[in-house]
Amino acid sequence: MTNTLTVFKKEFRTYFASPMGYIYITVFLVATNWLFLRGFFLINQASLRGFFGVLPWIFLLFVPAVTMRLWAEERKVGTAEVLMTLPLRDHEIVLGKFLASLAFVAISLALTLVLPITTAIIGSPDTGSIIGGYIGALLLGAAYLAIGIFASGLTENQIVAFIVGIAICFVLLVLGENIVLFTLPTPLVPVFEFLGLGAHFRSISRGVLDSRDIVYYLSVVVLFLYLNLRTLENQR
């Protein structure tokens, strides 16, 4: 656990050691606030439904950008080999990187809390759905991060890692969307809906904490962190 914490501290400091971390957060906040305010005045309701509705698509671009450098940059500058020679186990390195990126995304989400506070001042929003939306957002972000870390471990090119991460996240997101479900035979609809990242997020954002949704997201995280671990083992 100590080694994992060491990797976590190193990676977390890296996010704020250059302007890129601040740029990521600024762009994320500008995008989310603009989309929220645009929908807020259109529907004229004190609700964050529009914010949580677009969040999976904002994350689709934001989260792979957060993870694309985690392994790709290490390989490009040659520090990955040095990292592997240290007395650290592979799973400690992978977990440390994942937790650091998750903390960064959590901070970005926390900075959007001004939106529910503003909404609560103006009207009487559904507190349960807001809490559920933020829990769902953190779980969805964790799933995207695990996928992004796996994609970053496949290449030393950050742009390639970014594109591959977006592609995998996009496929898993749209699996449960109507545009896909309408083209499937009826028996396959429940299966694809369950596999879609977005369907579980919508369920949680309604304020319903179903253990099946939580287990699903945790399973996606574990699966892609495991795949990243196997990739490292094969590249040794």
Protein backbone atom coordinates (compact mmCIF):
# COMPACT_ATOMS: atom_id res chain seq x y z
CA MET A 1 0.00 0.00 0.00
CA THR A 2 2.94 2.31 0.72
CA ASN A 3 4.29 1.82 -2.79
CA THR A 4 0.88 2.54 -4.29
CA LEU A 5 0.70 5.75 -2.26
CA THR A 6 4.16 6.75 -3.50
CA VAL A 7 3.10 6.31 -7.13
CA PHE A 8 -0.16 8.14 -6.40
CA LYS A 9 1.66 11.18 -4.97
CA LYS A 10 4.10 11.30 -7.86
CA GLU A 11 1.39 11.11 -10.54
CA PHE A 12 -0.98 13.49 -8.75
CA ARG A 13 1.75 16.14 -8.43
CA THR A 14 2.48 15.75 -12.14
CA TYR A 15 -1.02 16.95 -13.03
CA PHE A 16 -0.35 20.31 -11.39
CA ALA A 17 3.37 20.56 -12.18
CA SER A 18 2.57 22.02 -15.60
CA PRO A 19 -0.17 24.29 -16.97
CA MET A 20 -1.87 21.30 -18.64
CA GLY A 21 -3.70 20.21 -15.49
CA TYR A 22 -5.12 23.68 -14.97
CA ILE A 23 -6.05 23.91 -18.66
CA TYR A 24 -7.93 20.59 -18.45
CA ILE A 25 -9.92 21.75 -15.43
CA THR A 26 -10.64 25.18 -16.94
CA VAL A 27 -11.87 23.73 -20.24
CA PHE A 28 -13.99 21.17 -18.37
CA LEU A 29 -15.60 23.82 -16.16
CA VAL A 30 -16.24 26.21 -19.06
CA ALA A 31 -17.86 23.42 -21.12
CA THR A 32 -20.04 22.09 -18.31
CA ASN A 33 -21.12 25.51 -17.09
CA TRP A 34 -21.95 26.74 -20.59
CA LEU A 35 -23.99 23.64 -21.42
CA PHE A 36 -25.76 23.78 -18.06
CA LEU A 37 -26.68 27.47 -18.32
CA ARG A 38 -27.75 27.08 -21.94
CA GLY A 39 -30.23 24.33 -21.04
CA PHE A 40 -31.15 25.93 -17.72
CA PHE A 41 -32.61 29.04 -19.30
CA LEU A 42 -34.23 27.11 -22.14
CA ILE A 43 -36.33 24.85 -19.90
CA ASN A 44 -36.66 27.49 -17.16
CA GLN A 45 -36.48 24.87 -14.40
CA ALA A 46 -34.23 24.53 -11.34
CA SER A 47 -32.84 21.16 -12.36
CA LEU A 48 -29.46 19.58 -13.15
CA ARG A 49 -30.99 17.03 -15.50
CA GLY A 50 -29.43 18.73 -18.52
CA PHE A 51 -26.01 18.85 -16.84
CA PHE A 52 -25.99 15.14 -16.07
CA GLY A 53 -27.44 14.41 -19.49
CA VAL A 54 -24.40 15.80 -21.32
CA LEU A 55 -21.77 14.79 -18.74
CA PRO A 56 -21.05 11.32 -20.23
CA TRP A 57 -20.27 12.99 -23.58
CA ILE A 58 -18.06 15.65 -21.99
CA PHE A 59 -16.23 12.92 -20.09
CA LEU A 60 -15.78 11.10 -23.40
CA LEU A 61 -13.30 13.81 -24.46
CA PHE A 62 -12.07 14.99 -21.07
CA VAL A 63 -11.14 11.72 -19.36
CA PRO A 64 -9.01 10.13 -22.16
CA ALA A 65 -7.13 13.45 -22.28
CA VAL A 66 -6.37 13.01 -18.57
CA THR A 67 -5.04 9.47 -18.97
CA MET A 68 -3.31 9.59 -22.36
CA ARG A 69 0.08 10.52 -20.90
CA LEU A 70 0.12 8.08 -17.97
CA TRP A 71 1.98 5.32 -19.83
CA ALA A 72 2.57 6.80 -23.29
CA GLU A 73 4.76 9.61 -21.98
CA GLU A 74 6.65 7.22 -19.70
CA ARG A 75 7.58 5.12 -22.72
CA LYS A 76 8.40 8.06 -24.96
CA VAL A 77 10.88 9.63 -22.54
CA GLY A 78 12.24 6.26 -21.39
CA THR A 79 11.17 6.45 -17.74
CA ALA A 80 8.91 3.38 -18.03
CA GLU A 81 11.95 1.10 -18.06
CA VAL A 82 13.37 2.85 -15.01
CA LEU A 83 10.00 2.57 -13.25
CA MET A 84 9.90 -1.17 -13.91
CA THR A 85 13.33 -1.68 -12.31
CA LEU A 86 12.22 -0.11 -9.03
CA PRO A 87 11.08 -2.36 -6.15
CA LEU A 88 7.45 -1.87 -7.13
CA ARG A 89 4.95 -4.47 -8.21
CA ASP A 90 3.07 -3.90 -11.43
CA HIS A 91 -0.31 -3.78 -9.72
CA GLU A 92 0.97 -1.11 -7.30
CA ILE A 93 2.05 1.09 -10.20
CA VAL A 94 -1.20 0.62 -12.11
CA LEU A 95 -3.34 1.24 -9.03
CA GLY A 96 -1.31 4.33 -8.04
CA LYS A 97 -1.73 5.86 -11.50
CA PHE A 98 -5.44 5.06 -11.53
CA LEU A 99 -6.09 6.58 -8.10
CA ALA A 100 -4.14 9.73 -9.00
CA SER A 101 -6.19 10.26 -12.15
CA LEU A 102 -9.40 9.49 -10.23
CA ALA A 103 -8.50 12.12 -7.63
CA PHE A 104 -7.91 14.64 -10.44
CA VAL A 105 -11.31 13.92 -12.00
CA ALA A 106 -12.96 14.05 -8.55
CA ILE A 107 -11.51 17.53 -7.99
CA SER A 108 -12.82 18.63 -11.38
CA LEU A 109 -16.29 17.34 -10.46
CA ALA A 110 -16.14 18.97 -7.03
CA LEU A 111 -15.54 22.34 -8.69
CA THR A 112 -18.91 22.01 -10.45
CA LEU A 113 -20.75 21.93 -7.11
CA VAL A 114 -21.46 25.61 -7.61
CA LEU A 115 -24.13 24.48 -10.09
CA PRO A 116 -26.32 22.54 -7.61
CA ILE A 117 -25.76 25.27 -5.01
CA THR A 118 -26.96 27.91 -7.47
CA THR A 119 -29.89 25.73 -8.47
CA ALA A 120 -30.86 25.21 -4.82
CA ILE A 121 -30.83 28.98 -4.22
CA ILE A 122 -33.05 29.65 -7.22
CA GLY A 123 -35.50 26.77 -6.78
CA SER A 124 -36.08 23.42 -5.10
CA PRO A 125 -34.25 20.73 -7.08
CA ASP A 126 -34.43 17.02 -6.33
CA THR A 127 -31.57 16.51 -3.87
CA GLY A 128 -31.63 12.73 -4.30
CA SER A 129 -31.11 12.92 -8.05
CA ILE A 130 -28.27 15.43 -7.63
CA ILE A 131 -26.44 13.21 -5.13
CA GLY A 132 -27.08 10.19 -7.33
CA GLY A 133 -25.85 12.12 -10.37
CA TYR A 134 -22.53 12.95 -8.74
CA ILE A 135 -22.05 9.38 -7.50
CA GLY A 136 -22.85 8.11 -10.98
CA ALA A 137 -20.48 10.67 -12.52
CA LEU A 138 -17.63 9.51 -10.29
CA LEU A 139 -18.29 5.85 -11.15
CA LEU A 140 -18.56 6.65 -14.86
CA GLY A 141 -15.36 8.67 -14.66
CA ALA A 142 -13.61 5.76 -12.94
CA ALA A 143 -14.67 3.43 -15.77
CA TYR A 144 -13.45 5.87 -18.41
CA LEU A 145 -10.16 6.29 -16.54
CA ALA A 146 -9.51 2.55 -16.40
CA ILE A 147 -10.18 2.33 -20.14
CA GLY A 148 -7.93 5.33 -20.80
CA ILE A 149 -5.06 3.89 -18.76
CA PHE A 150 -5.34 0.63 -20.68
CA ALA A 151 -5.25 2.55 -23.98
CA SER A 152 -2.21 4.57 -22.83
CA GLY A 153 -0.39 1.33 -22.03
CA LEU A 154 -0.69 0.16 -25.65
CA THR A 155 1.44 2.89 -27.23
CA GLU A 156 4.06 5.54 -26.64
CA ASN A 157 2.12 8.10 -28.70
CA GLN A 158 -0.22 10.20 -26.56
CA ILE A 159 -2.46 11.14 -29.48
CA VAL A 160 -2.93 7.48 -30.40
CA ALA A 161 -3.67 6.67 -26.75
CA PHE A 162 -6.22 9.51 -26.68
CA ILE A 163 -8.00 8.30 -29.83
CA VAL A 164 -8.02 4.64 -28.76
CA GLY A 165 -9.36 5.63 -25.33
CA ILE A 166 -12.16 7.68 -26.88
CA ALA A 167 -13.02 4.86 -29.30
CA ILE A 168 -13.37 2.21 -26.58
CA CYS A 169 -15.33 4.53 -24.28
CA PHE A 170 -17.61 5.57 -27.13
CA VAL A 171 -18.41 1.97 -28.09
CA LEU A 172 -19.24 1.03 -24.49
CA LEU A 173 -21.28 4.21 -24.06
CA VAL A 174 -23.49 3.81 -27.12
CA LEU A 175 -24.13 0.08 -26.62
CA GLY A 176 -27.06 0.89 -24.39
CA GLU A 177 -28.35 3.87 -26.37
CA ASN A 178 -31.55 3.81 -28.40
CA ILE A 179 -29.69 4.32 -31.66
CA VAL A 180 -28.18 0.86 -31.17
CA LEU A 181 -31.04 -0.84 -29.33
CA PHE A 182 -33.54 -0.05 -32.10
CA THR A 183 -31.44 -2.05 -34.59
CA LEU A 184 -31.17 -5.18 -32.44
CA PRO A 185 -33.40 -8.25 -32.17
CA THR A 186 -35.65 -8.01 -29.12
CA PRO A 187 -33.88 -10.77 -27.10
CA LEU A 188 -30.56 -8.89 -27.35
CA VAL A 189 -31.88 -5.51 -26.20
CA PRO A 190 -31.62 -6.17 -22.42
CA VAL A 191 -28.08 -7.55 -22.87
CA PHE A 192 -26.77 -4.52 -24.78
CA GLU A 193 -28.60 -2.13 -22.49
CA PHE A 194 -26.86 -3.71 -19.51
CA LEU A 195 -23.46 -3.50 -21.22
CA GLY A 196 -23.84 0.21 -22.02
CA LEU A 197 -22.07 2.65 -19.73
CA GLY A 198 -24.71 5.34 -20.25
CA ALA A 199 -27.70 3.25 -19.20
CA HIS A 200 -26.23 2.60 -15.75
CA PHE A 201 -25.31 6.26 -15.34
CA ARG A 202 -28.87 7.36 -16.14
CA SER A 203 -30.20 4.89 -13.59
CA ILE A 204 -27.97 6.22 -10.80
CA SER A 205 -28.50 9.88 -11.78
CA ARG A 206 -32.23 9.42 -11.12
CA GLY A 207 -31.30 8.93 -7.46
CA VAL A 208 -31.65 5.13 -7.50
CA LEU A 209 -28.53 3.42 -6.16
CA ASP A 210 -28.91 -0.09 -7.52
CA SER A 211 -26.16 -2.53 -6.54
CA ARG A 212 -26.19 -3.89 -10.10
CA ASP A 213 -25.10 -0.51 -11.47
CA ILE A 214 -22.32 -0.16 -8.91
CA VAL A 215 -21.08 -3.71 -9.49
CA TYR A 216 -21.14 -3.08 -13.25
CA TYR A 217 -18.89 -0.02 -13.01
CA LEU A 218 -16.53 -1.69 -10.58
CA SER A 219 -16.32 -4.68 -12.92
CA VAL A 220 -15.38 -2.42 -15.86
CA VAL A 221 -12.69 -0.74 -13.75
CA VAL A 222 -11.23 -4.05 -12.57
CA LEU A 223 -11.34 -5.54 -16.08
CA PHE A 224 -9.43 -2.74 -17.79
CA LEU A 225 -6.92 -2.32 -14.96
CA TYR A 226 -6.30 -6.06 -15.22
CA LEU A 227 -5.84 -5.74 -18.99
CA ASN A 228 -3.37 -2.92 -18.40
CA LEU A 229 -1.53 -5.12 -15.92
CA ARG A 230 -1.30 -7.96 -18.43
CA THR A 231 -0.07 -5.53 -21.08
CA LEU A 232 2.76 -4.48 -18.80
CA GLU A 233 3.67 -8.08 -18.09
CA ASN A 234 3.80 -8.88 -21.80
CA GLN A 235 5.99 -5.85 -22.51
CA ARG A 236 8.60 -6.65 -19.87
